[in-house]
């Protein structure tokens, strides 16, 4: 079956939603989490498969009212351009997130957070390795 959307596009859409309101460093840190998962054998080895895992990235959760926003994505938008640059930086080896493979918004504490090692904070997110 033909792929309808590329892995890179899936990641950019994910960054656009997950790192909304973050600066380029914050977007890059979220991109690093995705890329670190691609490199880790515990997760799929395709960026698209990583972001589409159920309950991992809210953009792709069916019950998230924001998920349909990706239909409005415009690759000439400066924010989308930042997401593209952030994904490129993560793939090139940026290390702002210090090896993180998880993150969450600062205003929540998911059940898994206390079991992880916090490695960085930036903008509205806390980053963990575990």
N, C-alpha and C. Protein backbone atom coordinates (compact mmCIF):
# COMPACT_ATOMS: atom_id res chain seq x y z
N UNK A 1 0.84 -1.17 0.00
CA UNK A 1 0.00 0.00 0.00
C UNK A 1 0.89 1.25 0.00
N UNK A 2 0.54 2.23 -0.77
CA UNK A 2 1.32 3.46 -0.88
C UNK A 2 1.15 4.31 0.38
N UNK A 3 2.22 4.94 0.78
CA UNK A 3 2.17 5.85 1.92
C UNK A 3 1.59 7.17 1.44
N UNK A 4 0.59 7.68 2.13
CA UNK A 4 -0.07 8.91 1.72
C UNK A 4 0.62 10.16 2.23
N UNK A 5 1.37 10.01 3.31
CA UNK A 5 2.07 11.16 3.89
C UNK A 5 3.42 10.68 4.39
N UNK A 6 4.45 11.45 4.15
CA UNK A 6 5.81 11.03 4.51
C UNK A 6 6.04 11.07 6.01
N UNK A 7 7.07 10.33 6.45
CA UNK A 7 7.46 10.36 7.86
C UNK A 7 7.79 11.78 8.29
N UNK A 8 8.54 12.51 7.45
CA UNK A 8 8.92 13.87 7.80
C UNK A 8 7.69 14.75 7.99
N UNK A 9 6.70 14.61 7.11
CA UNK A 9 5.48 15.41 7.24
C UNK A 9 4.74 15.05 8.52
N UNK A 10 4.68 13.78 8.88
CA UNK A 10 4.03 13.37 10.12
C UNK A 10 4.72 13.99 11.33
N UNK A 11 6.04 14.03 11.30
CA UNK A 11 6.79 14.64 12.41
C UNK A 11 6.54 16.14 12.46
N UNK A 12 6.58 16.81 11.33
CA UNK A 12 6.36 18.26 11.30
C UNK A 12 4.96 18.59 11.83
N UNK A 13 3.97 17.83 11.43
CA UNK A 13 2.62 18.04 11.95
C UNK A 13 2.59 17.84 13.46
N UNK A 14 3.28 16.80 13.93
CA UNK A 14 3.34 16.53 15.37
C UNK A 14 4.00 17.68 16.11
N UNK A 15 5.12 18.16 15.58
CA UNK A 15 5.82 19.28 16.22
C UNK A 15 4.95 20.53 16.24
N UNK A 16 4.26 20.78 15.15
CA UNK A 16 3.39 21.95 15.05
C UNK A 16 2.35 21.94 16.16
N UNK A 17 1.84 20.78 16.47
CA UNK A 17 0.82 20.68 17.50
C UNK A 17 1.43 20.56 18.90
N UNK A 18 2.37 19.66 19.07
CA UNK A 18 2.91 19.35 20.40
C UNK A 18 3.75 20.50 20.96
N UNK A 19 4.44 21.24 20.11
CA UNK A 19 5.32 22.31 20.57
C UNK A 19 4.74 23.69 20.25
N UNK A 20 3.42 23.75 20.17
CA UNK A 20 2.76 25.03 19.88
C UNK A 20 3.16 26.07 20.92
N UNK A 21 3.56 27.22 20.46
CA UNK A 21 3.94 28.31 21.36
C UNK A 21 5.38 28.26 21.83
N UNK A 22 6.11 27.19 21.52
CA UNK A 22 7.51 27.09 21.92
C UNK A 22 8.41 27.80 20.91
N UNK A 23 9.57 28.24 21.35
CA UNK A 23 10.55 28.81 20.44
C UNK A 23 11.24 27.68 19.67
N UNK A 24 12.18 28.02 18.81
CA UNK A 24 12.84 27.01 17.98
C UNK A 24 13.57 25.97 18.83
N UNK A 25 14.13 26.37 19.96
CA UNK A 25 14.81 25.40 20.82
C UNK A 25 13.79 24.43 21.41
N UNK A 26 12.67 24.92 21.88
CA UNK A 26 11.63 24.04 22.41
C UNK A 26 11.11 23.07 21.37
N UNK A 27 10.91 23.55 20.15
CA UNK A 27 10.48 22.67 19.07
C UNK A 27 11.55 21.62 18.77
N UNK A 28 12.80 22.05 18.79
CA UNK A 28 13.90 21.11 18.53
C UNK A 28 13.98 20.06 19.63
N UNK A 29 13.74 20.44 20.86
CA UNK A 29 13.78 19.48 21.96
C UNK A 29 12.69 18.41 21.80
N UNK A 30 11.50 18.81 21.40
CA UNK A 30 10.44 17.83 21.15
C UNK A 30 10.83 16.95 19.96
N UNK A 31 11.43 17.54 18.94
CA UNK A 31 11.90 16.76 17.79
C UNK A 31 12.96 15.75 18.22
N UNK A 32 13.83 16.15 19.12
CA UNK A 32 14.85 15.23 19.62
C UNK A 32 14.22 14.03 20.32
N UNK A 33 13.17 14.25 21.07
CA UNK A 33 12.49 13.13 21.74
C UNK A 33 12.01 12.13 20.68
N UNK A 34 11.40 12.63 19.63
CA UNK A 34 10.94 11.74 18.56
C UNK A 34 12.12 11.01 17.94
N UNK A 35 13.18 11.73 17.63
CA UNK A 35 14.34 11.10 16.99
C UNK A 35 15.02 10.11 17.93
N UNK A 36 15.12 10.45 19.23
CA UNK A 36 15.72 9.53 20.19
C UNK A 36 14.91 8.23 20.27
N UNK A 37 13.61 8.32 20.13
CA UNK A 37 12.79 7.11 20.11
C UNK A 37 13.06 6.28 18.85
N UNK A 38 13.24 6.94 17.73
CA UNK A 38 13.55 6.22 16.49
C UNK A 38 14.84 5.41 16.67
N UNK A 39 15.81 5.98 17.37
CA UNK A 39 17.11 5.32 17.57
C UNK A 39 17.08 4.25 18.65
N UNK A 40 16.06 4.24 19.49
CA UNK A 40 15.95 3.31 20.62
C UNK A 40 15.15 2.08 20.19
N UNK A 41 15.68 0.87 20.42
CA UNK A 41 14.98 -0.34 19.96
C UNK A 41 13.63 -0.59 20.65
N UNK A 42 13.32 0.14 21.71
CA UNK A 42 12.02 -0.03 22.37
C UNK A 42 10.87 0.58 21.56
N UNK A 43 11.19 1.43 20.60
CA UNK A 43 10.18 2.09 19.78
C UNK A 43 10.38 1.71 18.32
N UNK A 44 9.38 1.98 17.48
CA UNK A 44 9.53 1.70 16.05
C UNK A 44 10.72 2.47 15.46
N UNK A 45 11.26 1.98 14.36
CA UNK A 45 12.43 2.63 13.76
C UNK A 45 12.06 3.62 12.66
N UNK A 46 10.80 3.95 12.56
CA UNK A 46 10.31 4.93 11.59
C UNK A 46 9.72 6.12 12.35
N UNK A 47 10.12 7.35 12.01
CA UNK A 47 9.56 8.51 12.71
C UNK A 47 8.03 8.56 12.63
N UNK A 48 7.49 8.21 11.49
CA UNK A 48 6.04 8.21 11.35
C UNK A 48 5.38 7.22 12.29
N UNK A 49 5.97 6.03 12.41
CA UNK A 49 5.40 5.02 13.32
C UNK A 49 5.55 5.46 14.77
N UNK A 50 6.64 6.16 15.09
CA UNK A 50 6.82 6.65 16.46
C UNK A 50 5.71 7.64 16.82
N UNK A 51 5.46 8.62 15.97
CA UNK A 51 4.47 9.65 16.34
C UNK A 51 3.04 9.14 16.27
N UNK A 52 2.80 8.10 15.50
CA UNK A 52 1.43 7.57 15.38
C UNK A 52 1.08 6.52 16.42
N UNK A 53 2.01 6.19 17.32
CA UNK A 53 1.69 5.21 18.36
C UNK A 53 0.52 5.73 19.20
N UNK A 54 -0.45 4.88 19.47
CA UNK A 54 -1.61 5.30 20.26
C UNK A 54 -1.21 5.88 21.61
N UNK A 55 -1.81 7.01 21.95
CA UNK A 55 -1.66 7.68 23.24
C UNK A 55 -0.27 8.23 23.51
N UNK A 56 0.55 8.43 22.48
CA UNK A 56 1.88 8.98 22.70
C UNK A 56 1.96 10.46 22.36
N UNK A 57 1.35 10.89 21.28
CA UNK A 57 1.38 12.28 20.86
C UNK A 57 -0.06 12.72 20.60
N UNK A 58 -0.51 13.72 21.34
CA UNK A 58 -1.93 14.07 21.34
C UNK A 58 -2.47 14.49 19.98
N UNK A 59 -1.64 15.00 19.11
CA UNK A 59 -2.09 15.37 17.77
C UNK A 59 -2.81 14.22 17.08
N UNK A 60 -2.39 13.00 17.38
CA UNK A 60 -2.93 11.83 16.69
C UNK A 60 -3.96 11.07 17.50
N UNK A 61 -4.33 11.56 18.69
CA UNK A 61 -5.37 10.92 19.49
C UNK A 61 -6.73 11.31 18.93
N UNK A 62 -7.56 10.34 18.66
CA UNK A 62 -8.86 10.60 18.06
C UNK A 62 -9.73 11.53 18.90
N UNK A 63 -9.57 11.50 20.20
CA UNK A 63 -10.42 12.31 21.07
C UNK A 63 -9.88 13.71 21.32
N UNK A 64 -8.73 14.04 20.76
CA UNK A 64 -8.17 15.37 20.94
C UNK A 64 -8.80 16.33 19.94
N UNK A 65 -9.51 17.35 20.41
CA UNK A 65 -10.20 18.24 19.49
C UNK A 65 -9.25 19.03 18.59
N UNK A 66 -7.98 19.13 18.98
CA UNK A 66 -7.02 19.87 18.16
C UNK A 66 -6.50 19.05 17.00
N UNK A 67 -6.72 17.75 16.99
CA UNK A 67 -6.07 16.89 16.00
C UNK A 67 -6.46 17.22 14.56
N UNK A 68 -7.63 17.75 14.33
CA UNK A 68 -8.03 18.08 12.96
C UNK A 68 -7.34 19.32 12.43
N UNK A 69 -6.66 20.05 13.29
CA UNK A 69 -5.96 21.25 12.84
C UNK A 69 -4.90 20.95 11.80
N UNK A 70 -4.35 19.76 11.82
CA UNK A 70 -3.28 19.43 10.88
C UNK A 70 -3.76 19.52 9.43
N UNK A 71 -5.05 19.47 9.23
CA UNK A 71 -5.58 19.62 7.88
C UNK A 71 -5.34 21.02 7.34
N UNK A 72 -5.05 21.96 8.24
CA UNK A 72 -4.84 23.35 7.86
C UNK A 72 -3.37 23.69 7.69
N UNK A 73 -2.49 22.73 7.82
CA UNK A 73 -1.05 22.97 7.77
C UNK A 73 -0.63 23.62 6.46
N UNK A 74 0.14 24.70 6.55
CA UNK A 74 0.62 25.44 5.39
C UNK A 74 2.14 25.49 5.50
N UNK A 75 2.83 24.82 4.58
CA UNK A 75 4.29 24.73 4.70
C UNK A 75 5.02 26.04 4.43
N UNK A 76 4.29 27.10 4.10
CA UNK A 76 4.94 28.41 3.97
C UNK A 76 4.81 29.23 5.26
N UNK A 77 4.05 28.73 6.22
CA UNK A 77 3.87 29.41 7.51
C UNK A 77 5.20 29.40 8.26
N UNK A 78 5.62 30.53 8.85
CA UNK A 78 6.89 30.58 9.59
C UNK A 78 6.98 29.56 10.73
N UNK A 79 5.87 29.26 11.39
CA UNK A 79 5.89 28.28 12.48
C UNK A 79 6.15 26.89 11.91
N UNK A 80 5.54 26.57 10.80
CA UNK A 80 5.78 25.28 10.15
C UNK A 80 7.24 25.21 9.69
N UNK A 81 7.77 26.31 9.19
CA UNK A 81 9.17 26.34 8.79
C UNK A 81 10.09 26.07 9.99
N UNK A 82 9.75 26.63 11.16
CA UNK A 82 10.51 26.34 12.39
C UNK A 82 10.45 24.85 12.72
N UNK A 83 9.28 24.23 12.54
CA UNK A 83 9.13 22.80 12.82
C UNK A 83 10.00 21.98 11.87
N UNK A 84 10.05 22.38 10.62
CA UNK A 84 10.91 21.69 9.64
C UNK A 84 12.37 21.83 10.05
N UNK A 85 12.79 23.04 10.44
CA UNK A 85 14.18 23.25 10.88
C UNK A 85 14.47 22.45 12.15
N UNK A 86 13.51 22.40 13.08
CA UNK A 86 13.70 21.66 14.33
C UNK A 86 13.91 20.18 14.06
N UNK A 87 13.12 19.61 13.16
CA UNK A 87 13.27 18.19 12.82
C UNK A 87 14.64 17.95 12.17
N UNK A 88 15.06 18.84 11.31
CA UNK A 88 16.38 18.72 10.70
C UNK A 88 17.49 18.79 11.72
N UNK A 89 17.35 19.69 12.69
CA UNK A 89 18.36 19.82 13.75
C UNK A 89 18.44 18.55 14.59
N UNK A 90 17.29 17.98 14.92
CA UNK A 90 17.28 16.73 15.71
C UNK A 90 17.97 15.61 14.95
N UNK A 91 17.69 15.50 13.67
CA UNK A 91 18.31 14.45 12.86
C UNK A 91 19.82 14.69 12.69
N UNK A 92 20.23 15.94 12.78
CA UNK A 92 21.66 16.28 12.63
C UNK A 92 22.43 16.12 13.94
N UNK A 93 21.72 15.80 15.03
CA UNK A 93 22.40 15.52 16.29
C UNK A 93 22.32 16.59 17.35
N UNK A 94 21.36 17.50 17.28
CA UNK A 94 21.23 18.51 18.34
C UNK A 94 21.02 17.81 19.68
N UNK A 95 21.43 18.46 20.76
CA UNK A 95 21.39 17.82 22.08
C UNK A 95 20.75 18.70 23.16
N UNK A 96 19.88 19.60 22.77
CA UNK A 96 19.22 20.44 23.77
C UNK A 96 18.47 19.61 24.80
N UNK A 97 17.85 18.51 24.36
CA UNK A 97 17.02 17.69 25.25
C UNK A 97 17.82 16.64 26.01
N UNK A 98 19.13 16.63 25.84
CA UNK A 98 20.03 15.78 26.63
C UNK A 98 19.63 14.31 26.65
N UNK A 99 19.26 13.80 25.47
CA UNK A 99 18.94 12.38 25.35
C UNK A 99 17.53 12.00 25.79
N UNK A 100 16.67 12.98 26.01
CA UNK A 100 15.31 12.69 26.48
C UNK A 100 14.54 11.84 25.47
N UNK A 101 13.70 10.95 26.01
CA UNK A 101 12.80 10.18 25.16
C UNK A 101 11.34 10.32 25.61
N UNK A 102 11.11 11.20 26.55
CA UNK A 102 9.76 11.53 27.01
C UNK A 102 9.72 13.03 27.35
N UNK A 103 8.54 13.58 27.33
CA UNK A 103 8.33 14.95 27.80
C UNK A 103 6.85 15.11 28.12
N UNK A 104 6.55 16.17 28.84
CA UNK A 104 5.15 16.51 29.08
C UNK A 104 5.06 18.00 29.34
N UNK A 105 3.84 18.51 29.20
CA UNK A 105 3.59 19.92 29.50
C UNK A 105 3.82 20.16 30.98
N UNK A 106 4.36 21.31 31.29
CA UNK A 106 4.74 21.63 32.66
C UNK A 106 3.55 21.68 33.62
N UNK A 107 2.36 21.90 33.11
CA UNK A 107 1.18 22.02 33.97
C UNK A 107 0.52 20.68 34.29
N UNK A 108 1.09 19.57 33.82
CA UNK A 108 0.56 18.25 34.13
C UNK A 108 1.67 17.36 34.66
N UNK A 109 1.29 16.28 35.31
CA UNK A 109 2.26 15.27 35.74
C UNK A 109 1.69 13.90 35.39
N UNK A 110 2.12 13.33 34.27
CA UNK A 110 1.63 12.01 33.88
C UNK A 110 2.08 10.93 34.87
N UNK A 111 1.38 9.84 34.87
CA UNK A 111 1.67 8.74 35.80
C UNK A 111 3.10 8.23 35.68
N UNK A 112 3.68 8.32 34.50
CA UNK A 112 5.01 7.76 34.26
C UNK A 112 6.15 8.69 34.70
N UNK A 113 5.88 9.98 34.88
CA UNK A 113 6.94 10.96 35.15
C UNK A 113 7.78 10.65 36.40
N UNK A 114 7.18 10.27 37.54
CA UNK A 114 7.99 10.01 38.72
C UNK A 114 8.99 8.85 38.56
N UNK A 115 8.76 7.98 37.57
CA UNK A 115 9.66 6.84 37.35
C UNK A 115 10.82 7.19 36.43
N UNK A 116 10.83 8.40 35.89
CA UNK A 116 11.83 8.81 34.92
C UNK A 116 12.85 9.76 35.54
N UNK A 117 13.94 9.99 34.82
CA UNK A 117 14.95 10.95 35.22
C UNK A 117 14.75 12.24 34.44
N UNK A 118 14.47 13.32 35.15
CA UNK A 118 14.33 14.62 34.49
C UNK A 118 15.70 15.07 34.00
N UNK A 119 15.76 15.49 32.72
CA UNK A 119 17.05 15.91 32.15
C UNK A 119 17.04 17.35 31.67
N UNK A 120 15.87 17.94 31.47
CA UNK A 120 15.83 19.33 30.98
C UNK A 120 14.43 19.91 31.15
N UNK A 121 14.41 21.24 31.20
CA UNK A 121 13.16 22.00 31.17
C UNK A 121 13.36 23.14 30.19
N UNK A 122 12.33 23.39 29.42
CA UNK A 122 12.38 24.53 28.51
C UNK A 122 10.97 24.94 28.16
N UNK A 123 10.72 26.23 28.20
CA UNK A 123 9.39 26.73 27.87
C UNK A 123 8.34 26.04 28.71
N UNK A 124 7.36 25.45 28.07
CA UNK A 124 6.27 24.80 28.78
C UNK A 124 6.40 23.30 28.92
N UNK A 125 7.63 22.77 28.78
CA UNK A 125 7.80 21.31 28.82
C UNK A 125 8.93 20.89 29.77
N UNK A 126 8.75 19.68 30.30
CA UNK A 126 9.78 19.00 31.10
C UNK A 126 10.16 17.75 30.32
N UNK A 127 11.47 17.50 30.23
CA UNK A 127 11.99 16.39 29.43
C UNK A 127 12.64 15.35 30.33
N UNK A 128 12.46 14.06 29.94
CA UNK A 128 12.91 12.94 30.76
C UNK A 128 13.61 11.90 29.89
N UNK A 129 14.47 11.15 30.57
CA UNK A 129 15.07 9.97 29.94
C UNK A 129 14.70 8.79 30.81
N UNK A 130 14.32 7.74 30.16
CA UNK A 130 13.95 6.56 30.95
C UNK A 130 13.87 5.31 30.11
